[in-house]
Protein backbone atom coordinates (compact mmCIF):
# COMPACT_ATOMS: atom_id res chain seq x y z
CA UNK A 1 5.25 -7.16 -2.08
CA UNK A 2 2.99 -5.85 0.65
CA UNK A 3 0.06 -3.80 -0.53
CA UNK A 4 -0.80 -0.80 1.69
CA UNK A 5 -4.48 -1.63 2.00
CA UNK A 6 -3.66 -5.07 3.42
CA UNK A 7 -1.75 -3.61 6.36
CA UNK A 8 -3.84 -2.44 9.28
CA UNK A 9 -1.06 -1.56 11.72
CA UNK A 10 2.03 0.08 10.22
CA UNK A 11 3.80 0.73 13.53
CA UNK A 12 5.47 -2.71 13.93
CA UNK A 13 6.69 -2.58 10.32
CA UNK A 14 8.09 0.92 10.73
CA UNK A 15 9.76 0.02 14.03
CA UNK A 16 11.33 -3.08 12.47
CA UNK A 17 12.48 -1.08 9.45
CA UNK A 18 14.11 1.59 11.62
CA UNK A 19 15.77 -1.11 13.73
CA UNK A 20 17.22 -2.86 10.67
CA UNK A 21 18.50 0.41 9.21
CA UNK A 22 19.99 1.49 12.54
CA UNK A 23 21.74 -1.87 12.99
CA UNK A 24 23.22 -1.75 9.50
CA UNK A 25 24.33 1.89 9.88
CA UNK A 26 25.99 1.17 13.24
CA UNK A 27 27.97 -1.74 11.81
CA UNK A 28 29.01 0.10 8.66
CA UNK A 29 28.95 3.78 9.54
CA UNK A 30 31.47 4.64 6.78
CA UNK A 31 29.33 2.93 4.12
CA UNK A 32 32.06 0.59 2.92
CA UNK A 33 30.01 -2.58 2.55
CA UNK A 34 26.72 -3.77 4.00
CA UNK A 35 25.23 -0.29 4.34
CA UNK A 36 25.06 -0.03 0.56
CA UNK A 37 21.98 -2.30 0.67
CA UNK A 38 20.05 0.70 2.04
CA UNK A 39 20.68 2.64 -1.17
CA UNK A 40 18.38 0.75 -3.55
CA UNK A 41 17.28 3.27 -6.18
CA UNK A 42 19.51 6.04 -4.88
CA UNK A 43 22.45 5.76 -7.28
CA UNK A 44 20.39 6.39 -10.39
CA UNK A 45 17.85 8.43 -8.39
CA UNK A 46 20.48 11.00 -7.39
CA UNK A 47 21.52 11.44 -11.02
CA UNK A 48 17.87 11.92 -12.00
CA UNK A 49 17.35 14.37 -9.16
CA UNK A 50 20.39 16.43 -10.23
CA UNK A 51 19.26 16.36 -13.86
CA UNK A 52 15.78 17.56 -12.87
CA UNK A 53 17.22 20.68 -11.22
CA UNK A 54 19.29 21.55 -14.27
CA UNK A 55 16.22 21.13 -16.49
CA UNK A 56 14.31 23.48 -14.14
CA UNK A 57 11.78 20.74 -13.39
CA UNK A 58 12.87 19.73 -9.88
CA UNK A 59 11.76 16.39 -8.49
CA UNK A 60 11.31 15.53 -4.85
CA UNK A 61 14.00 13.16 -3.61
CA UNK A 62 11.49 10.33 -3.13
CA UNK A 63 10.20 10.69 -6.67
CA UNK A 64 13.72 10.53 -8.10
CA UNK A 65 14.46 7.45 -5.99
CA UNK A 66 11.25 5.80 -7.25
CA UNK A 67 12.48 6.27 -10.81
CA UNK A 68 15.87 4.96 -9.71
CA UNK A 69 14.24 1.84 -8.25
CA UNK A 70 12.49 1.13 -11.55
CA UNK A 71 15.74 1.65 -13.48
CA UNK A 72 17.85 -0.43 -11.07
CA UNK A 73 15.22 -3.19 -11.05
CA UNK A 74 15.29 -3.25 -14.83
CA UNK A 75 19.08 -3.51 -14.83
CA UNK A 76 18.82 -6.30 -12.24
CA UNK A 77 16.44 -8.16 -14.52
CA UNK A 78 18.72 -7.74 -17.55
CA UNK A 79 22.08 -8.31 -15.85
CA UNK A 80 21.42 -10.24 -12.60
CA UNK A 81 18.50 -12.54 -13.40
CA UNK A 82 15.82 -10.73 -11.40
CA UNK A 83 12.72 -12.67 -12.46
CA UNK A 84 10.69 -10.64 -14.98
CA UNK A 85 7.55 -11.09 -12.86
CA UNK A 86 9.35 -9.45 -9.90
CA UNK A 87 10.40 -6.54 -12.10
CA UNK A 88 6.83 -6.25 -13.41
CA UNK A 89 5.46 -6.15 -9.85
CA UNK A 90 7.95 -3.48 -8.73
CA UNK A 91 7.33 -1.45 -11.87
CA UNK A 92 3.53 -1.71 -11.63
CA UNK A 93 3.52 -0.66 -7.97
CA UNK A 94 5.73 2.37 -8.56
CA UNK A 95 3.89 3.40 -11.72
CA UNK A 96 0.65 3.28 -9.75
CA UNK A 97 2.05 5.79 -7.25
CA UNK A 98 4.54 7.78 -9.34
CA UNK A 99 3.26 7.46 -12.91
CA UNK A 100 3.93 10.99 -14.04
CA UNK A 101 7.50 10.73 -12.77
CA UNK A 102 8.34 7.18 -13.88
CA UNK A 103 7.34 7.91 -17.46
CA UNK A 104 9.93 10.66 -17.95
CA UNK A 105 12.16 10.24 -20.99
CA UNK A 106 15.78 10.06 -19.87
CA UNK A 107 18.92 8.82 -21.54
CA UNK A 108 22.13 7.38 -20.19
CA UNK A 109 24.03 10.21 -21.87
CA UNK A 110 21.97 12.89 -20.07
CA UNK A 111 22.49 11.24 -16.66
CA UNK A 112 26.05 9.93 -16.94
CA UNK A 113 27.63 13.29 -16.05
CA UNK A 114 26.05 13.14 -12.59
């Protein structure tokens, strides 16, 4: 992973990121295949976001997606052989920036209705 303090000029990275996203969206504008790669963290994140509103403790979309990324990374480690050290790096980075959100206690049962 890239660490923010190691990057001096964000503009080329942002431009490349926007270009990749635009290219994917143009080729799969109905989100039937490739475009799904842009949704990392969103599937579980949207459930968490919905749950937070019902519990009257609303989360920002980005915070819910961060939690979703941790959860989806964990599932990838358990089910798809994501190396544990990769999961640990993702988890550590997100906990560093979203600790109070990533340590919420949630259950599958509470999120499955979303």
